[in-house]
Amino acid sequence: MKLNIFLISKAIISWAFGLAFVIIPTIAAPLFGIQLDPFGALMARWSGAALLGIGLICLFTAKAADTKLQQGIILSLFVADTVGFIIALVGQLSGLMNALGWVIVAVWIILALGLGYFRFLCKGPSK
């Protein structure tokens, strides 16, 4: 897979979750077994706004010609997605989410591994 395809895929995933948490957090979160009070809905909306921004960053990075800048952004996203994976895994193992919460854990680890691959391992034309 090429880096630009991966980043566009990450952008789409970020936008999907971002829009859901901005527009309908009290419907989206319960799908994963998370009940939100009004403060939780506000926090979900802020997280959704951040995901919308991350989606745009991924889209612009996918089209960037400056590989040094790309590598810095990919490293930043790798760190963020790795932390997101750890948080999701701890939440899932703590019983804070239902079985669908494993989808969130899987999404975070797949994105983190993909970013890690393109940042640390991929040195050829697939970039």
N, C-alpha and C. Protein backbone atom coordinates (compact mmCIF):
# COMPACT_ATOMS: atom_id res chain seq x y z
N MET A 1 0.84 -1.18 0.00
CA MET A 1 0.00 0.00 0.00
C MET A 1 0.89 1.24 0.00
N LYS A 2 0.46 2.24 -0.71
CA LYS A 2 1.21 3.49 -0.77
C LYS A 2 0.81 4.39 0.40
N LEU A 3 1.74 5.24 0.79
CA LEU A 3 1.51 6.15 1.91
C LEU A 3 0.29 7.02 1.67
N ASN A 4 0.16 7.57 0.47
CA ASN A 4 -0.97 8.49 0.24
C ASN A 4 -2.32 7.77 0.37
N ILE A 5 -2.39 6.51 -0.06
CA ILE A 5 -3.63 5.73 0.07
C ILE A 5 -3.91 5.48 1.55
N PHE A 6 -2.87 5.14 2.31
CA PHE A 6 -3.04 4.89 3.74
C PHE A 6 -3.53 6.15 4.45
N LEU A 7 -2.92 7.29 4.15
CA LEU A 7 -3.30 8.53 4.81
C LEU A 7 -4.72 8.97 4.43
N ILE A 8 -5.10 8.76 3.19
CA ILE A 8 -6.48 9.08 2.79
C ILE A 8 -7.46 8.15 3.50
N SER A 9 -7.09 6.88 3.66
CA SER A 9 -7.93 5.94 4.41
C SER A 9 -8.07 6.38 5.87
N LYS A 10 -6.96 6.80 6.46
CA LYS A 10 -6.99 7.29 7.85
C LYS A 10 -7.85 8.55 7.94
N ALA A 11 -7.77 9.40 6.93
CA ALA A 11 -8.60 10.62 6.91
C ALA A 11 -10.08 10.26 6.91
N ILE A 12 -10.46 9.30 6.09
CA ILE A 12 -11.87 8.89 6.00
C ILE A 12 -12.35 8.31 7.33
N ILE A 13 -11.53 7.47 7.95
CA ILE A 13 -11.88 6.90 9.25
C ILE A 13 -12.02 8.01 10.29
N SER A 14 -11.08 8.94 10.29
CA SER A 14 -11.12 10.06 11.24
C SER A 14 -12.37 10.90 11.04
N TRP A 15 -12.71 11.18 9.78
CA TRP A 15 -13.91 11.97 9.50
C TRP A 15 -15.18 11.24 9.92
N ALA A 16 -15.23 9.94 9.68
CA ALA A 16 -16.43 9.17 10.04
C ALA A 16 -16.68 9.23 11.55
N PHE A 17 -15.63 8.92 12.32
CA PHE A 17 -15.78 8.97 13.78
C PHE A 17 -15.97 10.41 14.25
N GLY A 18 -15.24 11.33 13.64
CA GLY A 18 -15.33 12.73 14.03
C GLY A 18 -16.73 13.29 13.82
N LEU A 19 -17.31 13.05 12.66
CA LEU A 19 -18.66 13.53 12.39
C LEU A 19 -19.68 12.90 13.34
N ALA A 20 -19.53 11.61 13.58
CA ALA A 20 -20.45 10.93 14.50
C ALA A 20 -20.38 11.55 15.89
N PHE A 21 -19.17 11.83 16.37
CA PHE A 21 -19.04 12.37 17.73
C PHE A 21 -19.36 13.85 17.81
N VAL A 22 -19.27 14.57 16.72
CA VAL A 22 -19.67 15.99 16.73
C VAL A 22 -21.20 16.10 16.64
N ILE A 23 -21.80 15.33 15.74
CA ILE A 23 -23.23 15.50 15.45
C ILE A 23 -24.13 14.68 16.38
N ILE A 24 -23.78 13.42 16.61
CA ILE A 24 -24.66 12.53 17.38
C ILE A 24 -23.89 11.74 18.45
N PRO A 25 -23.19 12.41 19.36
CA PRO A 25 -22.39 11.67 20.34
C PRO A 25 -23.22 10.77 21.25
N THR A 26 -24.44 11.19 21.59
CA THR A 26 -25.26 10.39 22.49
C THR A 26 -25.90 9.19 21.79
N ILE A 27 -25.75 9.12 20.48
CA ILE A 27 -26.18 7.93 19.73
C ILE A 27 -24.96 7.07 19.38
N ALA A 28 -23.85 7.71 19.01
CA ALA A 28 -22.65 6.97 18.59
C ALA A 28 -21.98 6.25 19.76
N ALA A 29 -21.79 6.93 20.86
CA ALA A 29 -21.07 6.32 21.99
C ALA A 29 -21.77 5.09 22.55
N PRO A 30 -23.11 5.10 22.73
CA PRO A 30 -23.76 3.89 23.24
C PRO A 30 -23.61 2.66 22.35
N LEU A 31 -23.31 2.85 21.07
CA LEU A 31 -23.05 1.69 20.22
C LEU A 31 -21.88 0.87 20.75
N PHE A 32 -20.97 1.54 21.45
CA PHE A 32 -19.79 0.88 22.02
C PHE A 32 -19.96 0.62 23.51
N GLY A 33 -21.17 0.82 24.03
CA GLY A 33 -21.44 0.56 25.43
C GLY A 33 -21.08 1.71 26.35
N ILE A 34 -20.90 2.89 25.79
CA ILE A 34 -20.51 4.06 26.58
C ILE A 34 -21.72 4.99 26.69
N GLN A 35 -22.16 5.23 27.92
CA GLN A 35 -23.27 6.15 28.16
C GLN A 35 -22.70 7.52 28.49
N LEU A 36 -23.21 8.55 27.84
CA LEU A 36 -22.69 9.90 28.03
C LEU A 36 -23.69 10.77 28.77
N ASP A 37 -23.20 11.44 29.81
CA ASP A 37 -23.99 12.51 30.42
C ASP A 37 -23.72 13.77 29.60
N PRO A 38 -24.33 14.90 29.92
CA PRO A 38 -24.09 16.11 29.11
C PRO A 38 -22.62 16.52 29.03
N PHE A 39 -21.86 16.36 30.13
CA PHE A 39 -20.44 16.68 30.09
C PHE A 39 -19.70 15.71 29.16
N GLY A 40 -20.04 14.43 29.23
CA GLY A 40 -19.43 13.44 28.34
C GLY A 40 -19.72 13.72 26.88
N ALA A 41 -20.95 14.18 26.60
CA ALA A 41 -21.30 14.53 25.22
C ALA A 41 -20.47 15.71 24.74
N LEU A 42 -20.24 16.67 25.62
CA LEU A 42 -19.39 17.82 25.26
C LEU A 42 -17.97 17.35 24.97
N MET A 43 -17.43 16.48 25.81
CA MET A 43 -16.07 15.95 25.59
C MET A 43 -16.01 15.15 24.29
N ALA A 44 -17.06 14.38 24.01
CA ALA A 44 -17.09 13.61 22.76
C ALA A 44 -17.10 14.55 21.56
N ARG A 45 -17.84 15.64 21.67
CA ARG A 45 -17.87 16.61 20.56
C ARG A 45 -16.49 17.24 20.36
N TRP A 46 -15.80 17.57 21.45
CA TRP A 46 -14.44 18.11 21.31
C TRP A 46 -13.52 17.08 20.66
N SER A 47 -13.63 15.82 21.09
CA SER A 47 -12.82 14.77 20.48
C SER A 47 -13.16 14.61 19.00
N GLY A 48 -14.44 14.72 18.68
CA GLY A 48 -14.86 14.65 17.28
C GLY A 48 -14.27 15.77 16.46
N ALA A 49 -14.24 16.98 17.04
CA ALA A 49 -13.64 18.12 16.33
C ALA A 49 -12.16 17.85 16.06
N ALA A 50 -11.47 17.27 17.05
CA ALA A 50 -10.05 16.94 16.86
C ALA A 50 -9.88 15.90 15.75
N LEU A 51 -10.77 14.92 15.71
CA LEU A 51 -10.69 13.90 14.66
C LEU A 51 -10.93 14.50 13.28
N LEU A 52 -11.83 15.46 13.18
CA LEU A 52 -12.03 16.14 11.89
C LEU A 52 -10.75 16.85 11.46
N GLY A 53 -10.07 17.49 12.41
CA GLY A 53 -8.80 18.15 12.10
C GLY A 53 -7.72 17.16 11.71
N ILE A 54 -7.66 16.04 12.41
CA ILE A 54 -6.68 15.01 12.07
C ILE A 54 -6.94 14.48 10.66
N GLY A 55 -8.20 14.32 10.31
CA GLY A 55 -8.53 13.89 8.95
C GLY A 55 -8.01 14.85 7.90
N LEU A 56 -8.15 16.14 8.16
CA LEU A 56 -7.63 17.14 7.22
C LEU A 56 -6.10 17.10 7.16
N ILE A 57 -5.47 16.94 8.32
CA ILE A 57 -4.01 16.83 8.35
C ILE A 57 -3.56 15.64 7.50
N CYS A 58 -4.25 14.51 7.64
CA CYS A 58 -3.90 13.32 6.85
C CYS A 58 -4.08 13.58 5.36
N LEU A 59 -5.17 14.23 4.99
CA LEU A 59 -5.41 14.52 3.58
C LEU A 59 -4.32 15.42 3.01
N PHE A 60 -3.98 16.50 3.71
CA PHE A 60 -2.96 17.42 3.23
C PHE A 60 -1.58 16.76 3.22
N THR A 61 -1.30 15.90 4.21
CA THR A 61 -0.02 15.21 4.27
C THR A 61 0.10 14.20 3.13
N ALA A 62 -1.00 13.57 2.76
CA ALA A 62 -0.98 12.61 1.65
C ALA A 62 -0.59 13.27 0.35
N LYS A 63 -0.91 14.55 0.21
CA LYS A 63 -0.63 15.27 -1.03
C LYS A 63 0.64 16.12 -0.95
N ALA A 64 1.32 16.09 0.20
CA ALA A 64 2.50 16.94 0.39
C ALA A 64 3.70 16.42 -0.39
N ALA A 65 4.49 17.33 -0.91
CA ALA A 65 5.71 16.97 -1.64
C ALA A 65 6.92 16.94 -0.72
N ASP A 66 6.85 17.63 0.41
CA ASP A 66 7.96 17.73 1.35
C ASP A 66 8.02 16.47 2.21
N THR A 67 8.92 15.54 1.88
CA THR A 67 8.97 14.27 2.61
C THR A 67 9.45 14.45 4.04
N LYS A 68 10.28 15.44 4.31
CA LYS A 68 10.72 15.67 5.69
C LYS A 68 9.53 16.10 6.56
N LEU A 69 8.70 16.97 6.03
CA LEU A 69 7.49 17.39 6.73
C LEU A 69 6.55 16.20 6.91
N GLN A 70 6.39 15.41 5.86
CA GLN A 70 5.55 14.22 5.94
C GLN A 70 6.01 13.30 7.06
N GLN A 71 7.31 13.07 7.14
CA GLN A 71 7.84 12.16 8.15
C GLN A 71 7.58 12.68 9.57
N GLY A 72 7.68 13.98 9.76
CA GLY A 72 7.38 14.56 11.07
C GLY A 72 5.92 14.40 11.44
N ILE A 73 5.05 14.63 10.49
CA ILE A 73 3.62 14.48 10.75
C ILE A 73 3.27 13.01 10.99
N ILE A 74 3.85 12.12 10.21
CA ILE A 74 3.59 10.70 10.39
C ILE A 74 4.06 10.24 11.77
N LEU A 75 5.21 10.72 12.21
CA LEU A 75 5.70 10.37 13.55
C LEU A 75 4.73 10.87 14.62
N SER A 76 4.25 12.10 14.46
CA SER A 76 3.30 12.67 15.43
C SER A 76 2.02 11.84 15.48
N LEU A 77 1.50 11.49 14.31
CA LEU A 77 0.28 10.68 14.26
C LEU A 77 0.52 9.28 14.81
N PHE A 78 1.71 8.73 14.58
CA PHE A 78 2.06 7.42 15.13
C PHE A 78 2.02 7.45 16.65
N VAL A 79 2.62 8.47 17.25
CA VAL A 79 2.62 8.59 18.71
C VAL A 79 1.18 8.73 19.21
N ALA A 80 0.40 9.61 18.59
CA ALA A 80 -0.99 9.82 19.01
C ALA A 80 -1.82 8.55 18.88
N ASP A 81 -1.67 7.83 17.78
CA ASP A 81 -2.46 6.62 17.58
C ASP A 81 -2.01 5.49 18.50
N THR A 82 -0.73 5.44 18.83
CA THR A 82 -0.25 4.45 19.79
C THR A 82 -0.84 4.71 21.16
N VAL A 83 -0.85 5.97 21.58
CA VAL A 83 -1.47 6.33 22.86
C VAL A 83 -2.97 6.03 22.81
N GLY A 84 -3.62 6.36 21.69
CA GLY A 84 -5.04 6.05 21.53
C GLY A 84 -5.32 4.56 21.64
N PHE A 85 -4.45 3.74 21.06
CA PHE A 85 -4.59 2.29 21.17
C PHE A 85 -4.50 1.85 22.62
N ILE A 86 -3.52 2.35 23.35
CA ILE A 86 -3.34 1.97 24.76
C ILE A 86 -4.57 2.35 25.57
N ILE A 87 -5.07 3.56 25.37
CA ILE A 87 -6.27 4.02 26.09
C ILE A 87 -7.46 3.14 25.75
N ALA A 88 -7.65 2.84 24.47
CA ALA A 88 -8.78 2.00 24.05
C ALA A 88 -8.66 0.59 24.63
N LEU A 89 -7.44 0.04 24.61
CA LEU A 89 -7.23 -1.31 25.14
C LEU A 89 -7.51 -1.36 26.64
N VAL A 90 -6.99 -0.39 27.38
CA VAL A 90 -7.24 -0.34 28.83
C VAL A 90 -8.73 -0.20 29.10
N GLY A 91 -9.40 0.67 28.34
CA GLY A 91 -10.84 0.83 28.50
C GLY A 91 -11.60 -0.44 28.21
N GLN A 92 -11.20 -1.13 27.17
CA GLN A 92 -11.88 -2.38 26.81
C GLN A 92 -11.63 -3.45 27.86
N LEU A 93 -10.38 -3.60 28.29
CA LEU A 93 -10.06 -4.62 29.29
C LEU A 93 -10.65 -4.31 30.65
N SER A 94 -10.96 -3.04 30.90
CA SER A 94 -11.58 -2.63 32.16
C SER A 94 -13.09 -2.81 32.14
N GLY A 95 -13.63 -3.19 31.01
CA GLY A 95 -15.06 -3.39 30.89
C GLY A 95 -15.86 -2.12 30.66
N LEU A 96 -15.20 -1.06 30.24
CA LEU A 96 -15.90 0.21 30.01
C LEU A 96 -16.66 0.23 28.69
N MET A 97 -16.34 -0.70 27.78
CA MET A 97 -17.03 -0.77 26.49
C MET A 97 -17.58 -2.17 26.30
N ASN A 98 -18.58 -2.29 25.45
CA ASN A 98 -19.12 -3.61 25.12
C ASN A 98 -18.21 -4.31 24.10
N ALA A 99 -18.66 -5.42 23.57
CA ALA A 99 -17.84 -6.19 22.63
C ALA A 99 -17.46 -5.38 21.39
N LEU A 100 -18.31 -4.44 20.99
CA LEU A 100 -18.00 -3.61 19.83
C LEU A 100 -16.80 -2.69 20.09
N GLY A 101 -16.46 -2.52 21.36
CA GLY A 101 -15.28 -1.73 21.72
C GLY A 101 -14.00 -2.30 21.13
N TRP A 102 -14.01 -3.61 20.87
CA TRP A 102 -12.82 -4.22 20.26
C TRP A 102 -12.57 -3.67 18.86
N VAL A 103 -13.62 -3.20 18.20
CA VAL A 103 -13.44 -2.56 16.89
C VAL A 103 -12.60 -1.30 17.05
N ILE A 104 -12.86 -0.53 18.09
CA ILE A 104 -12.10 0.69 18.36
C ILE A 104 -10.63 0.34 18.63
N VAL A 105 -10.42 -0.69 19.44
CA VAL A 105 -9.05 -1.14 19.73
C VAL A 105 -8.36 -1.55 18.43
N ALA A 106 -9.05 -2.31 17.60
CA ALA A 106 -8.47 -2.77 16.33
C ALA A 106 -8.15 -1.61 15.40
N VAL A 107 -9.05 -0.64 15.31
CA VAL A 107 -8.80 0.52 14.44
C VAL A 107 -7.55 1.25 14.89
N TRP A 108 -7.43 1.50 16.20
CA TRP A 108 -6.26 2.23 16.71
C TRP A 108 -4.97 1.48 16.43
N ILE A 109 -4.94 0.15 16.66
CA ILE A 109 -3.69 -0.59 16.47
C ILE A 109 -3.35 -0.69 14.98
N ILE A 110 -4.34 -0.87 14.13
CA ILE A 110 -4.06 -0.93 12.69
C ILE A 110 -3.49 0.39 12.19
N LEU A 111 -4.09 1.50 12.62
CA LEU A 111 -3.59 2.81 12.21
C LEU A 111 -2.19 3.06 12.77
N ALA A 112 -1.97 2.71 14.03
CA ALA A 112 -0.64 2.92 14.63
C ALA A 112 0.41 2.07 13.92
N LEU A 113 0.10 0.81 13.65
CA LEU A 113 1.06 -0.05 12.96
C LEU A 113 1.34 0.44 11.54
N GLY A 114 0.31 0.89 10.85
CA GLY A 114 0.51 1.44 9.50
C GLY A 114 1.41 2.66 9.52
N LEU A 115 1.14 3.57 10.44
CA LEU A 115 1.98 4.76 10.55
C LEU A 115 3.41 4.39 10.93
N GLY A 116 3.55 3.43 11.84
CA GLY A 116 4.89 2.97 12.22
C GLY A 116 5.63 2.36 11.05
N TYR A 117 4.92 1.60 10.24
CA TYR A 117 5.52 1.01 9.06
C TYR A 117 6.05 2.09 8.13
N PHE A 118 5.21 3.07 7.80
CA PHE A 118 5.63 4.11 6.86
C PHE A 118 6.69 5.03 7.46
N ARG A 119 6.72 5.16 8.77
CA ARG A 119 7.72 6.06 9.39
C ARG A 119 9.06 5.37 9.59
N PHE A 120 9.04 4.10 10.00
CA PHE A 120 10.28 3.46 10.41
C PHE A 120 10.78 2.36 9.48
N LEU A 121 9.91 1.69 8.75
CA LEU A 121 10.33 0.53 7.97
C LEU A 121 10.34 0.75 6.47
N CYS A 122 9.40 1.48 5.95
CA CYS A 122 9.25 1.64 4.51
C CYS A 122 10.28 2.63 3.98
N LYS A 123 11.15 2.15 3.14
CA LYS A 123 12.19 3.02 2.57
C LYS A 123 12.16 3.04 1.05
N GLY A 124 11.13 2.40 0.48
CA GLY A 124 11.12 2.26 -0.97
C GLY A 124 10.06 3.07 -1.66
N PRO A 125 9.69 2.65 -2.86
CA PRO A 125 8.76 3.41 -3.70
C PRO A 125 7.32 3.42 -3.21
N SER A 126 6.98 2.62 -2.19
CA SER A 126 5.59 2.62 -1.73
C SER A 126 5.23 3.88 -0.96
N LYS A 127 6.24 4.70 -0.69
CA LYS A 127 5.96 5.97 -0.03
C LYS A 127 5.39 6.88 -1.04
